[in-house]
Amino acid sequence: MENNEQIPPKPQEAPRPAPAAGAPSYSSGPRRPSGPGGRGRFAPRRKVCRLCAEHIDLVDYKQSQILKTFCTDTGKMLSRRITGACAKHQRQIMRAVKINRNLSLMPYN
């Protein structure tokens, strides 16, 4: 280039509008890892055993209404992770569902 030529100025970027209230911001700022070692944006709320909250000590195979809430439509038992039942009540539910299946009160699927 010769000294006589002038370089055109770079066009300036338009300023970005501010995000609306309540909208997520997608900035390139520091982020916390959300993997197994790090913590995500929020911790899920701890599930409480419904049977403990209602002070039900023993789950019997005759309590079909209670057992149906812990099973899918096809008859599969839901896990503790899904239902939030404590270990004691999950064992009682499991035993009662198996008895109901054996007596043909619930499906085997």
C-alpha atoms as a PDB file:
ATOM      1  CA  MET A   1       0.000   0.000   0.000  1.00  0.00           C
ATOM      2  CA  GLU A   2       1.084   3.461  -0.638  1.00  0.00           C
ATOM      3  CA  ASN A   3       1.041   6.128   2.015  1.00  0.00           C
ATOM      4  CA  ASN A   4      -1.527   8.161   0.076  1.00  0.00           C
ATOM      5  CA  GLU A   5      -4.310   5.525   0.351  1.00  0.00           C
ATOM      6  CA  GLN A   6      -6.527   5.619   3.381  1.00  0.00           C
ATOM      7  CA  ILE A   7      -8.052   2.562   5.005  1.00  0.00           C
ATOM      8  CA  PRO A   8     -11.839   2.809   5.414  1.00  0.00           C
ATOM      9  CA  PRO A   9     -12.966   2.717   9.059  1.00  0.00           C
ATOM     10  CA  LYS A  10     -14.546  -0.497  10.401  1.00  0.00           C
ATOM     11  CA  PRO A  11     -18.325  -0.360  10.812  1.00  0.00           C
ATOM     12  CA  GLN A  12     -19.348  -0.235  14.442  1.00  0.00           C
ATOM     13  CA  GLU A  13     -21.602  -2.958  15.823  1.00  0.00           C
ATOM     14  CA  ALA A  14     -25.044  -1.922  16.961  1.00  0.00           C
ATOM     15  CA  PRO A  15     -25.524  -2.180  20.746  1.00  0.00           C
ATOM     16  CA  ARG A  16     -27.393  -5.297  21.840  1.00  0.00           C
ATOM     17  CA  PRO A  17     -30.766  -4.755  23.491  1.00  0.00           C
ATOM     18  CA  ALA A  18     -31.133  -5.788  27.126  1.00  0.00           C
ATOM     19  CA  PRO A  19     -32.953  -9.099  27.697  1.00  0.00           C
ATOM     20  CA  ALA A  20     -36.582  -8.923  28.799  1.00  0.00           C
ATOM     21  CA  ALA A  21     -37.396  -9.421  32.463  1.00  0.00           C
ATOM     22  CA  GLY A  22     -37.475 -13.124  33.321  1.00  0.00           C
ATOM     23  CA  ALA A  23     -35.872 -14.169  30.027  1.00  0.00           C
ATOM     24  CA  PRO A  24     -32.782 -16.388  30.187  1.00  0.00           C
ATOM     25  CA  SER A  25     -29.539 -14.631  29.414  1.00  0.00           C
ATOM     26  CA  TYR A  26     -27.203 -16.396  27.052  1.00  0.00           C
ATOM     27  CA  SER A  27     -24.082 -14.476  27.916  1.00  0.00           C
ATOM     28  CA  SER A  28     -20.631 -15.898  27.518  1.00  0.00           C
ATOM     29  CA  GLY A  29     -19.836 -15.245  31.169  1.00  0.00           C
ATOM     30  CA  PRO A  30     -18.506 -17.809  33.630  1.00  0.00           C
ATOM     31  CA  ARG A  31     -20.637 -20.914  33.953  1.00  0.00           C
ATOM     32  CA  ARG A  32     -20.857 -23.544  36.607  1.00  0.00           C
ATOM     33  CA  PRO A  33     -20.442 -27.133  35.458  1.00  0.00           C
ATOM     34  CA  SER A  34     -23.625 -29.171  35.562  1.00  0.00           C
ATOM     35  CA  GLY A  35     -21.998 -32.602  35.456  1.00  0.00           C
ATOM     36  CA  PRO A  36     -21.773 -35.139  38.274  1.00  0.00           C
ATOM     37  CA  GLY A  37     -18.983 -33.255  40.067  1.00  0.00           C
ATOM     38  CA  GLY A  38     -20.445 -29.770  39.754  1.00  0.00           C
ATOM     39  CA  ARG A  39     -23.704 -28.261  40.775  1.00  0.00           C
ATOM     40  CA  GLY A  40     -26.273 -27.147  38.234  1.00  0.00           C
ATOM     41  CA  ARG A  41     -28.387 -24.041  38.355  1.00  0.00           C
ATOM     42  CA  PHE A  42     -30.701 -25.384  41.052  1.00  0.00           C
ATOM     43  CA  ALA A  43     -31.097 -28.497  43.143  1.00  0.00           C
ATOM     44  CA  PRO A  44     -34.316 -30.449  42.655  1.00  0.00           C
ATOM     45  CA  ARG A  45     -36.640 -30.498  45.626  1.00  0.00           C
ATOM     46  CA  ARG A  46     -36.314 -33.580  47.784  1.00  0.00           C
ATOM     47  CA  LYS A  47     -39.298 -35.909  47.446  1.00  0.00           C
ATOM     48  CA  VAL A  48     -41.110 -36.866  50.637  1.00  0.00           C
ATOM     49  CA  CYS A  49     -42.581 -40.312  51.202  1.00  0.00           C
ATOM     50  CA  ARG A  50     -46.334 -39.921  50.858  1.00  0.00           C
ATOM     51  CA  LEU A  51     -47.024 -42.891  53.110  1.00  0.00           C
ATOM     52  CA  CYS A  52     -44.861 -41.482  55.909  1.00  0.00           C
ATOM     53  CA  ALA A  53     -46.573 -38.109  55.569  1.00  0.00           C
ATOM     54  CA  GLU A  54     -50.000 -39.768  55.912  1.00  0.00           C
ATOM     55  CA  HIS A  55     -48.764 -41.892  58.861  1.00  0.00           C
ATOM     56  CA  ILE A  56     -49.470 -45.221  57.122  1.00  0.00           C
ATOM     57  CA  ASP A  57     -47.424 -47.839  58.969  1.00  0.00           C
ATOM     58  CA  LEU A  58     -48.273 -50.953  56.971  1.00  0.00           C
ATOM     59  CA  VAL A  59     -49.097 -51.298  53.282  1.00  0.00           C
ATOM     60  CA  ASP A  60     -51.272 -54.367  52.775  1.00  0.00           C
ATOM     61  CA  TYR A  61     -52.196 -56.128  49.535  1.00  0.00           C
ATOM     62  CA  LYS A  62     -55.853 -55.271  50.207  1.00  0.00           C
ATOM     63  CA  GLN A  63     -55.170 -51.527  49.839  1.00  0.00           C
ATOM     64  CA  SER A  64     -55.471 -51.561  46.058  1.00  0.00           C
ATOM     65  CA  GLN A  65     -56.080 -47.802  45.716  1.00  0.00           C
ATOM     66  CA  ILE A  66     -52.729 -47.028  47.332  1.00  0.00           C
ATOM     67  CA  LEU A  67     -50.927 -49.676  45.288  1.00  0.00           C
ATOM     68  CA  LYS A  68     -52.335 -48.402  41.984  1.00  0.00           C
ATOM     69  CA  THR A  69     -50.742 -44.999  42.584  1.00  0.00           C
ATOM     70  CA  PHE A  70     -47.323 -46.652  42.791  1.00  0.00           C
ATOM     71  CA  CYS A  71     -47.783 -48.579  39.528  1.00  0.00           C
ATOM     72  CA  THR A  72     -48.094 -47.601  35.880  1.00  0.00           C
ATOM     73  CA  ASP A  73     -51.172 -48.261  33.776  1.00  0.00           C
ATOM     74  CA  THR A  74     -49.566 -51.436  32.465  1.00  0.00           C
ATOM     75  CA  GLY A  75     -48.943 -52.721  36.007  1.00  0.00           C
ATOM     76  CA  LYS A  76     -45.220 -52.053  36.352  1.00  0.00           C
ATOM     77  CA  MET A  77     -44.000 -50.854  39.736  1.00  0.00           C
ATOM     78  CA  LEU A  78     -42.504 -47.380  39.830  1.00  0.00           C
ATOM     79  CA  SER A  79     -39.096 -46.951  41.427  1.00  0.00           C
ATOM     80  CA  ARG A  80     -38.304 -45.031  44.604  1.00  0.00           C
ATOM     81  CA  ARG A  81     -36.563 -42.399  42.525  1.00  0.00           C
ATOM     82  CA  ILE A  82     -39.829 -41.666  40.721  1.00  0.00           C
ATOM     83  CA  THR A  83     -42.332 -42.027  43.581  1.00  0.00           C
ATOM     84  CA  GLY A  84     -40.220 -40.644  46.431  1.00  0.00           C
ATOM     85  CA  ALA A  85     -41.184 -43.504  48.754  1.00  0.00           C
ATOM     86  CA  CYS A  86     -38.811 -44.388  51.577  1.00  0.00           C
ATOM     87  CA  ALA A  87     -37.045 -47.760  51.569  1.00  0.00           C
ATOM     88  CA  LYS A  88     -39.320 -49.258  54.218  1.00  0.00           C
ATOM     89  CA  HIS A  89     -42.516 -48.418  52.369  1.00  0.00           C
ATOM     90  CA  GLN A  90     -41.048 -49.328  48.963  1.00  0.00           C
ATOM     91  CA  ARG A  91     -40.390 -52.860  50.251  1.00  0.00           C
ATOM     92  CA  GLN A  92     -43.968 -53.094  51.550  1.00  0.00           C
ATOM     93  CA  ILE A  93     -45.337 -51.817  48.235  1.00  0.00           C
ATOM     94  CA  MET A  94     -43.217 -54.300  46.302  1.00  0.00           C
ATOM     95  CA  ARG A  95     -44.397 -57.209  48.435  1.00  0.00           C
ATOM     96  CA  ALA A  96     -48.068 -56.183  48.223  1.00  0.00           C
ATOM     97  CA  VAL A  97     -47.941 -55.737  44.430  1.00  0.00           C
ATOM     98  CA  LYS A  98     -46.405 -59.179  44.012  1.00  0.00           C
ATOM     99  CA  ILE A  99     -49.148 -60.718  46.164  1.00  0.00           C
ATOM    100  CA  ASN A 100     -51.800 -58.883  44.123  1.00  0.00           C
ATOM    101  CA  ARG A 101     -50.289 -60.159  40.895  1.00  0.00           C
ATOM    102  CA  ASN A 102     -50.302 -63.692  42.247  1.00  0.00           C
ATOM    103  CA  LEU A 103     -53.967 -63.355  43.237  1.00  0.00           C
ATOM    104  CA  SER A 104     -54.758 -61.849  39.786  1.00  0.00           C
ATOM    105  CA  LEU A 105     -55.883 -58.555  41.307  1.00  0.00           C
ATOM    106  CA  MET A 106     -53.258 -56.645  39.291  1.00  0.00           C
ATOM    107  CA  PRO A 107     -51.757 -57.328  35.846  1.00  0.00           C
ATOM    108  CA  TYR A 108     -48.309 -58.845  35.409  1.00  0.00           C
ATOM    109  CA  ASN A 109     -47.178 -56.618  32.514  1.00  0.00           C
END
